[in-house]
């Protein structure tokens, strides 16, 4: 099995609902997503996939949808206030934990027909979460 990984850095803010700690408040992170693509064979260039193809699609999507945005649960009470003042947001159906943000990136990537096997989201230099899929986006 061959594997390539593309690193994508971006900044985002969030807060966690139903959480008793510092992260219950709005705050920001310098995030790092690692997108891992696998294949049992190489293409005619000797590649699993060109890193620039991952950048062109997935990095652009992250830049357009998550970078410098508040990533929040759609049921968060602060969403309406932020909408009213025009703050850019990316809304999840779930709590915006590192695990759920990694899954959102995975689901986008697999939906674009990339053979992604996992996405890790580094929330800090010491902490990351990984979502490993089964080859298809999940609900």
N, C-alpha and C. Protein backbone atom coordinates (compact mmCIF):
# COMPACT_ATOMS: atom_id res chain seq x y z
N UNK A 1 0.85 -1.18 0.00
CA UNK A 1 0.00 0.00 0.00
C UNK A 1 0.89 1.24 0.00
N UNK A 2 0.56 2.19 -0.85
CA UNK A 2 1.26 3.47 -0.91
C UNK A 2 0.40 4.52 -0.21
N UNK A 3 1.07 5.50 0.38
CA UNK A 3 0.35 6.53 1.14
C UNK A 3 1.06 7.87 0.95
N UNK A 4 0.28 8.92 0.73
CA UNK A 4 0.80 10.29 0.73
C UNK A 4 -0.05 11.12 1.68
N UNK A 5 0.58 12.13 2.24
CA UNK A 5 -0.13 13.02 3.17
C UNK A 5 0.17 14.46 2.82
N UNK A 6 -0.86 15.27 2.77
CA UNK A 6 -0.75 16.70 2.51
C UNK A 6 -1.11 17.46 3.77
N UNK A 7 -0.28 18.41 4.15
CA UNK A 7 -0.52 19.25 5.32
C UNK A 7 -1.14 20.56 4.86
N UNK A 8 -2.20 20.98 5.56
CA UNK A 8 -2.87 22.23 5.26
C UNK A 8 -3.04 23.00 6.56
N UNK A 9 -2.46 24.19 6.63
CA UNK A 9 -2.55 25.02 7.82
C UNK A 9 -3.64 26.07 7.64
N UNK A 10 -4.38 26.32 8.71
CA UNK A 10 -5.42 27.34 8.66
C UNK A 10 -5.74 27.81 10.08
N UNK A 11 -6.36 28.94 10.18
CA UNK A 11 -6.75 29.51 11.48
C UNK A 11 -8.26 29.46 11.60
N UNK A 12 -8.72 29.14 12.79
CA UNK A 12 -10.16 29.09 13.01
C UNK A 12 -10.48 29.37 14.47
N UNK A 13 -11.72 29.72 14.72
CA UNK A 13 -12.21 29.88 16.07
C UNK A 13 -13.35 28.91 16.30
N UNK A 14 -13.61 28.62 17.56
CA UNK A 14 -14.76 27.77 17.91
C UNK A 14 -15.04 27.90 19.39
N UNK A 15 -16.04 27.21 19.83
CA UNK A 15 -16.29 26.98 21.25
C UNK A 15 -17.07 25.69 21.36
N UNK A 16 -16.93 25.04 22.49
CA UNK A 16 -17.58 23.75 22.69
C UNK A 16 -18.81 23.91 23.58
N UNK A 17 -19.88 23.32 23.15
CA UNK A 17 -21.11 23.29 23.95
C UNK A 17 -21.05 22.11 24.92
N UNK A 18 -21.77 22.20 26.02
CA UNK A 18 -21.83 21.11 27.01
C UNK A 18 -20.44 20.72 27.50
N UNK A 19 -19.60 21.71 27.71
CA UNK A 19 -18.23 21.47 28.10
C UNK A 19 -17.91 22.36 29.30
N UNK A 20 -17.26 21.80 30.30
CA UNK A 20 -16.92 22.56 31.49
C UNK A 20 -15.42 22.77 31.55
N UNK A 21 -14.95 23.75 30.83
CA UNK A 21 -13.53 24.06 30.77
C UNK A 21 -13.34 25.30 29.92
N UNK A 22 -12.07 25.67 29.69
CA UNK A 22 -11.76 26.90 28.94
C UNK A 22 -12.40 26.92 27.55
N UNK A 23 -12.52 25.76 26.94
CA UNK A 23 -13.01 25.71 25.55
C UNK A 23 -14.50 25.96 25.42
N UNK A 24 -15.19 26.22 26.54
CA UNK A 24 -16.60 26.59 26.43
C UNK A 24 -16.77 28.04 25.98
N UNK A 25 -15.65 28.79 25.96
CA UNK A 25 -15.65 30.18 25.52
C UNK A 25 -15.13 30.28 24.09
N UNK A 26 -15.58 31.30 23.36
CA UNK A 26 -15.07 31.54 22.02
C UNK A 26 -13.56 31.74 22.10
N UNK A 27 -12.83 31.04 21.23
CA UNK A 27 -11.37 31.15 21.21
C UNK A 27 -10.88 30.67 19.85
N UNK A 28 -9.59 30.85 19.59
CA UNK A 28 -9.05 30.50 18.28
C UNK A 28 -7.89 29.54 18.34
N UNK A 29 -7.60 28.93 17.18
CA UNK A 29 -6.50 27.98 17.03
C UNK A 29 -5.79 28.21 15.70
N UNK A 30 -4.51 27.89 15.68
CA UNK A 30 -3.77 27.73 14.44
C UNK A 30 -3.80 26.24 14.15
N UNK A 31 -4.74 25.84 13.31
CA UNK A 31 -4.96 24.42 13.05
C UNK A 31 -4.08 23.90 11.92
N UNK A 32 -3.90 22.60 11.94
CA UNK A 32 -3.15 21.92 10.88
C UNK A 32 -3.90 20.64 10.54
N UNK A 33 -4.34 20.54 9.30
CA UNK A 33 -5.02 19.32 8.84
C UNK A 33 -4.02 18.49 8.03
N UNK A 34 -3.99 17.20 8.31
CA UNK A 34 -3.18 16.25 7.54
C UNK A 34 -4.13 15.31 6.82
N UNK A 35 -4.12 15.36 5.50
CA UNK A 35 -5.00 14.55 4.67
C UNK A 35 -4.17 13.39 4.11
N UNK A 36 -4.56 12.16 4.45
CA UNK A 36 -3.82 10.98 4.02
C UNK A 36 -4.60 10.23 2.95
N UNK A 37 -3.93 10.01 1.82
CA UNK A 37 -4.50 9.35 0.65
C UNK A 37 -3.73 8.04 0.45
N UNK A 38 -4.43 6.95 0.15
CA UNK A 38 -3.78 5.65 -0.06
C UNK A 38 -4.21 5.02 -1.36
N UNK A 39 -3.32 4.19 -1.89
CA UNK A 39 -3.63 3.39 -3.07
C UNK A 39 -2.72 2.18 -3.09
N UNK A 40 -3.23 1.08 -3.61
CA UNK A 40 -2.38 -0.12 -3.71
C UNK A 40 -1.53 -0.10 -4.98
N UNK A 41 -1.78 0.90 -5.85
CA UNK A 41 -0.96 1.02 -7.06
C UNK A 41 -0.69 2.49 -7.34
N UNK A 42 0.33 2.73 -8.13
CA UNK A 42 0.71 4.09 -8.50
C UNK A 42 0.19 4.39 -9.91
N UNK A 43 -0.01 5.67 -10.18
CA UNK A 43 -0.46 6.06 -11.52
C UNK A 43 0.72 6.00 -12.50
N UNK A 44 0.49 6.41 -13.72
CA UNK A 44 1.52 6.32 -14.75
C UNK A 44 2.72 7.24 -14.50
N UNK A 45 2.59 8.15 -13.54
CA UNK A 45 3.70 9.02 -13.16
C UNK A 45 4.49 8.45 -11.98
N UNK A 46 3.98 7.33 -11.41
CA UNK A 46 4.61 6.76 -10.22
C UNK A 46 4.13 7.40 -8.94
N UNK A 47 2.91 7.94 -8.94
CA UNK A 47 2.36 8.65 -7.79
C UNK A 47 1.05 8.03 -7.33
N UNK A 48 0.79 8.14 -6.03
CA UNK A 48 -0.56 7.86 -5.52
C UNK A 48 -1.47 8.96 -6.03
N UNK A 49 -1.02 10.19 -5.82
CA UNK A 49 -1.73 11.38 -6.29
C UNK A 49 -0.76 12.54 -6.19
N UNK A 50 -0.88 13.48 -7.08
CA UNK A 50 -0.04 14.65 -7.04
C UNK A 50 -0.45 15.52 -5.84
N UNK A 51 0.52 15.92 -5.04
CA UNK A 51 0.22 16.77 -3.88
C UNK A 51 -0.51 18.04 -4.29
N UNK A 52 -0.19 18.56 -5.47
CA UNK A 52 -0.85 19.79 -5.91
C UNK A 52 -2.33 19.58 -6.19
N UNK A 53 -2.75 18.36 -6.56
CA UNK A 53 -4.17 18.08 -6.76
C UNK A 53 -4.93 18.16 -5.44
N UNK A 54 -4.31 17.66 -4.38
CA UNK A 54 -4.93 17.75 -3.05
C UNK A 54 -5.03 19.22 -2.65
N UNK A 55 -3.93 19.95 -2.86
CA UNK A 55 -3.92 21.37 -2.51
C UNK A 55 -4.98 22.13 -3.29
N UNK A 56 -5.04 21.88 -4.60
CA UNK A 56 -5.96 22.62 -5.47
C UNK A 56 -7.40 22.46 -5.01
N UNK A 57 -7.79 21.29 -4.57
CA UNK A 57 -9.18 21.04 -4.21
C UNK A 57 -9.41 21.20 -2.70
N UNK A 58 -8.76 20.38 -1.90
CA UNK A 58 -9.06 20.36 -0.47
C UNK A 58 -8.57 21.62 0.24
N UNK A 59 -7.36 22.06 -0.07
CA UNK A 59 -6.84 23.27 0.56
C UNK A 59 -7.69 24.49 0.20
N UNK A 60 -8.10 24.55 -1.05
CA UNK A 60 -8.96 25.65 -1.48
C UNK A 60 -10.28 25.63 -0.73
N UNK A 61 -10.87 24.43 -0.55
CA UNK A 61 -12.13 24.32 0.19
C UNK A 61 -11.95 24.76 1.64
N UNK A 62 -10.87 24.31 2.28
CA UNK A 62 -10.62 24.72 3.66
C UNK A 62 -10.44 26.24 3.73
N UNK A 63 -9.65 26.79 2.81
CA UNK A 63 -9.45 28.26 2.79
C UNK A 63 -10.77 29.00 2.63
N UNK A 64 -11.63 28.51 1.75
CA UNK A 64 -12.90 29.18 1.46
C UNK A 64 -13.96 28.98 2.54
N UNK A 65 -13.87 27.89 3.30
CA UNK A 65 -14.96 27.55 4.22
C UNK A 65 -14.60 27.55 5.70
N UNK A 66 -13.35 27.27 6.05
CA UNK A 66 -12.97 27.15 7.45
C UNK A 66 -11.94 28.17 7.92
N UNK A 67 -11.07 28.60 7.02
CA UNK A 67 -9.99 29.50 7.42
C UNK A 67 -10.53 30.86 7.87
N UNK A 68 -10.08 31.32 9.02
CA UNK A 68 -10.48 32.59 9.60
C UNK A 68 -12.01 32.71 9.74
N UNK A 69 -12.59 31.60 10.16
CA UNK A 69 -14.03 31.55 10.44
C UNK A 69 -14.26 30.94 11.80
N UNK A 70 -15.41 31.25 12.37
CA UNK A 70 -15.84 30.56 13.57
C UNK A 70 -16.49 29.25 13.12
N UNK A 71 -16.01 28.14 13.63
CA UNK A 71 -16.59 26.83 13.36
C UNK A 71 -17.44 26.50 14.57
N UNK A 72 -18.75 26.47 14.37
CA UNK A 72 -19.69 26.33 15.48
C UNK A 72 -20.74 25.27 15.19
N UNK A 73 -21.36 24.78 16.25
CA UNK A 73 -22.52 23.91 16.12
C UNK A 73 -23.69 24.78 15.68
N UNK A 74 -24.45 24.29 14.73
CA UNK A 74 -25.56 25.10 14.20
C UNK A 74 -26.59 25.46 15.28
N UNK A 75 -26.64 24.72 16.39
CA UNK A 75 -27.58 25.04 17.46
C UNK A 75 -26.97 25.94 18.54
N UNK A 76 -25.75 26.40 18.35
CA UNK A 76 -25.11 27.29 19.32
C UNK A 76 -25.87 28.61 19.37
N UNK A 77 -26.26 29.07 20.55
CA UNK A 77 -27.02 30.33 20.65
C UNK A 77 -26.30 31.55 20.09
N UNK A 78 -24.98 31.53 20.01
CA UNK A 78 -24.23 32.68 19.52
C UNK A 78 -24.30 32.82 17.99
N UNK A 79 -24.76 31.79 17.30
CA UNK A 79 -24.79 31.81 15.83
C UNK A 79 -25.62 32.98 15.30
N UNK A 80 -26.80 33.19 15.84
CA UNK A 80 -27.67 34.27 15.34
C UNK A 80 -27.03 35.64 15.53
N UNK A 81 -26.40 35.85 16.68
CA UNK A 81 -25.74 37.13 16.94
C UNK A 81 -24.60 37.35 15.95
N UNK A 82 -23.79 36.31 15.72
CA UNK A 82 -22.67 36.44 14.78
C UNK A 82 -23.16 36.66 13.35
N UNK A 83 -24.29 36.00 12.99
CA UNK A 83 -24.88 36.25 11.66
C UNK A 83 -25.29 37.71 11.53
N UNK A 84 -25.91 38.24 12.59
CA UNK A 84 -26.40 39.62 12.56
C UNK A 84 -25.28 40.63 12.33
N UNK A 85 -24.08 40.34 12.81
CA UNK A 85 -22.99 41.29 12.63
C UNK A 85 -22.07 40.90 11.46
N UNK A 86 -22.48 39.88 10.70
CA UNK A 86 -21.77 39.52 9.48
C UNK A 86 -20.49 38.73 9.68
N UNK A 87 -20.34 38.07 10.81
CA UNK A 87 -19.14 37.26 11.05
C UNK A 87 -19.19 35.99 10.20
N UNK A 88 -18.09 35.64 9.53
CA UNK A 88 -18.07 34.41 8.74
C UNK A 88 -18.01 33.18 9.64
N UNK A 89 -18.84 32.19 9.31
CA UNK A 89 -18.93 30.97 10.12
C UNK A 89 -18.98 29.75 9.22
N UNK A 90 -18.58 28.63 9.79
CA UNK A 90 -18.79 27.32 9.19
C UNK A 90 -19.55 26.53 10.25
N UNK A 91 -20.75 26.08 9.90
CA UNK A 91 -21.61 25.44 10.89
C UNK A 91 -21.61 23.92 10.71
N UNK A 92 -21.52 23.24 11.85
CA UNK A 92 -21.60 21.78 11.90
C UNK A 92 -22.88 21.38 12.61
N UNK A 93 -23.38 20.21 12.32
CA UNK A 93 -24.54 19.68 13.05
C UNK A 93 -24.12 19.20 14.43
N UNK A 94 -22.83 19.02 14.63
CA UNK A 94 -22.27 18.48 15.88
C UNK A 94 -21.40 19.53 16.57
N UNK A 95 -21.01 19.23 17.79
CA UNK A 95 -20.10 20.08 18.53
C UNK A 95 -18.79 20.21 17.74
N UNK A 96 -18.22 21.41 17.60
CA UNK A 96 -17.03 21.60 16.76
C UNK A 96 -15.73 21.19 17.46
N UNK A 97 -15.67 19.95 17.86
CA UNK A 97 -14.46 19.40 18.45
C UNK A 97 -13.45 19.13 17.35
N UNK A 98 -12.20 18.91 17.73
CA UNK A 98 -11.18 18.55 16.74
C UNK A 98 -11.59 17.29 15.99
N UNK A 99 -12.21 16.34 16.69
CA UNK A 99 -12.67 15.10 16.07
C UNK A 99 -13.70 15.38 14.98
N UNK A 100 -14.67 16.24 15.28
CA UNK A 100 -15.73 16.52 14.31
C UNK A 100 -15.26 17.41 13.16
N UNK A 101 -14.30 18.29 13.41
CA UNK A 101 -13.74 19.09 12.32
C UNK A 101 -12.93 18.18 11.38
N UNK A 102 -12.16 17.25 11.95
CA UNK A 102 -11.42 16.29 11.12
C UNK A 102 -12.38 15.48 10.26
N UNK A 103 -13.51 15.06 10.84
CA UNK A 103 -14.50 14.29 10.09
C UNK A 103 -15.12 15.13 8.96
N UNK A 104 -15.38 16.40 9.21
CA UNK A 104 -15.95 17.26 8.17
C UNK A 104 -14.99 17.39 6.98
N UNK A 105 -13.71 17.52 7.28
CA UNK A 105 -12.71 17.60 6.20
C UNK A 105 -12.63 16.26 5.46
N UNK A 106 -12.66 15.16 6.21
CA UNK A 106 -12.65 13.83 5.60
C UNK A 106 -13.86 13.67 4.67
N UNK A 107 -15.05 14.01 5.16
CA UNK A 107 -16.27 13.84 4.37
C UNK A 107 -16.22 14.65 3.08
N UNK A 108 -15.71 15.88 3.15
CA UNK A 108 -15.57 16.68 1.93
C UNK A 108 -14.61 15.98 0.97
N UNK A 109 -13.48 15.53 1.49
CA UNK A 109 -12.43 14.95 0.64
C UNK A 109 -12.91 13.68 -0.04
N UNK A 110 -13.57 12.80 0.69
CA UNK A 110 -14.06 11.54 0.10
C UNK A 110 -15.17 11.84 -0.91
N UNK A 111 -15.97 12.85 -0.65
CA UNK A 111 -17.05 13.22 -1.59
C UNK A 111 -16.48 13.73 -2.92
N UNK A 112 -15.24 14.21 -2.90
CA UNK A 112 -14.57 14.69 -4.12
C UNK A 112 -13.81 13.56 -4.82
N UNK A 113 -14.06 12.32 -4.39
CA UNK A 113 -13.48 11.12 -4.99
C UNK A 113 -11.98 10.96 -4.77
N UNK A 114 -11.46 11.55 -3.71
CA UNK A 114 -10.08 11.28 -3.33
C UNK A 114 -10.08 10.01 -2.48
N UNK A 115 -9.12 9.10 -2.68
CA UNK A 115 -9.07 7.87 -1.88
C UNK A 115 -8.46 8.13 -0.49
N UNK A 116 -9.12 9.00 0.26
CA UNK A 116 -8.64 9.41 1.59
C UNK A 116 -8.91 8.29 2.59
N UNK A 117 -7.94 8.06 3.47
CA UNK A 117 -8.11 7.05 4.52
C UNK A 117 -8.22 7.66 5.89
N UNK A 118 -7.63 8.85 6.06
CA UNK A 118 -7.75 9.51 7.36
C UNK A 118 -7.43 10.99 7.23
N UNK A 119 -8.00 11.74 8.17
CA UNK A 119 -7.69 13.15 8.32
C UNK A 119 -7.39 13.38 9.79
N UNK A 120 -6.26 14.01 10.05
CA UNK A 120 -5.92 14.42 11.42
C UNK A 120 -6.00 15.94 11.49
N UNK A 121 -6.53 16.43 12.59
CA UNK A 121 -6.58 17.87 12.82
C UNK A 121 -5.78 18.17 14.08
N UNK A 122 -4.67 18.89 13.89
CA UNK A 122 -3.86 19.36 15.00
C UNK A 122 -4.48 20.66 15.48
N UNK A 123 -4.97 20.66 16.71
CA UNK A 123 -5.58 21.85 17.29
C UNK A 123 -4.52 22.73 17.94
N UNK A 124 -3.50 22.10 18.48
CA UNK A 124 -2.34 22.79 19.03
C UNK A 124 -1.12 21.97 18.62
N UNK A 125 0.08 22.44 18.97
CA UNK A 125 1.28 21.67 18.62
C UNK A 125 1.36 20.36 19.39
N UNK A 126 0.57 20.21 20.44
CA UNK A 126 0.62 19.00 21.26
C UNK A 126 -0.61 18.11 21.16
N UNK A 127 -1.67 18.57 20.53
CA UNK A 127 -2.94 17.84 20.56
C UNK A 127 -3.56 17.73 19.17
N UNK A 128 -3.94 16.50 18.82
CA UNK A 128 -4.63 16.30 17.54
C UNK A 128 -5.64 15.17 17.67
N UNK A 129 -6.58 15.19 16.74
CA UNK A 129 -7.60 14.14 16.64
C UNK A 129 -7.59 13.63 15.21
N UNK A 130 -7.93 12.35 15.04
CA UNK A 130 -7.92 11.73 13.72
C UNK A 130 -9.26 11.06 13.46
N UNK A 131 -9.75 11.25 12.23
CA UNK A 131 -10.93 10.51 11.77
C UNK A 131 -10.47 9.58 10.65
N UNK A 132 -10.72 8.30 10.82
CA UNK A 132 -10.41 7.28 9.81
C UNK A 132 -11.72 6.77 9.24
N UNK A 133 -11.85 6.86 7.96
CA UNK A 133 -13.10 6.43 7.34
C UNK A 133 -13.00 5.05 6.77
N UNK A 134 -14.12 4.61 6.28
CA UNK A 134 -14.20 3.29 5.65
C UNK A 134 -14.33 3.41 4.14
N UNK A 135 -13.83 4.51 3.58
CA UNK A 135 -13.88 4.68 2.13
C UNK A 135 -15.10 5.39 1.63
N UNK A 136 -15.95 5.90 2.54
CA UNK A 136 -17.11 6.66 2.11
C UNK A 136 -17.49 7.68 3.19
N UNK A 137 -18.15 8.73 2.76
CA UNK A 137 -18.60 9.75 3.71
C UNK A 137 -19.67 9.16 4.60
N UNK A 138 -19.73 9.66 5.82
CA UNK A 138 -20.72 9.15 6.76
C UNK A 138 -21.63 10.27 7.21
N UNK A 139 -22.76 9.89 7.76
CA UNK A 139 -23.77 10.87 8.17
C UNK A 139 -23.39 11.56 9.46
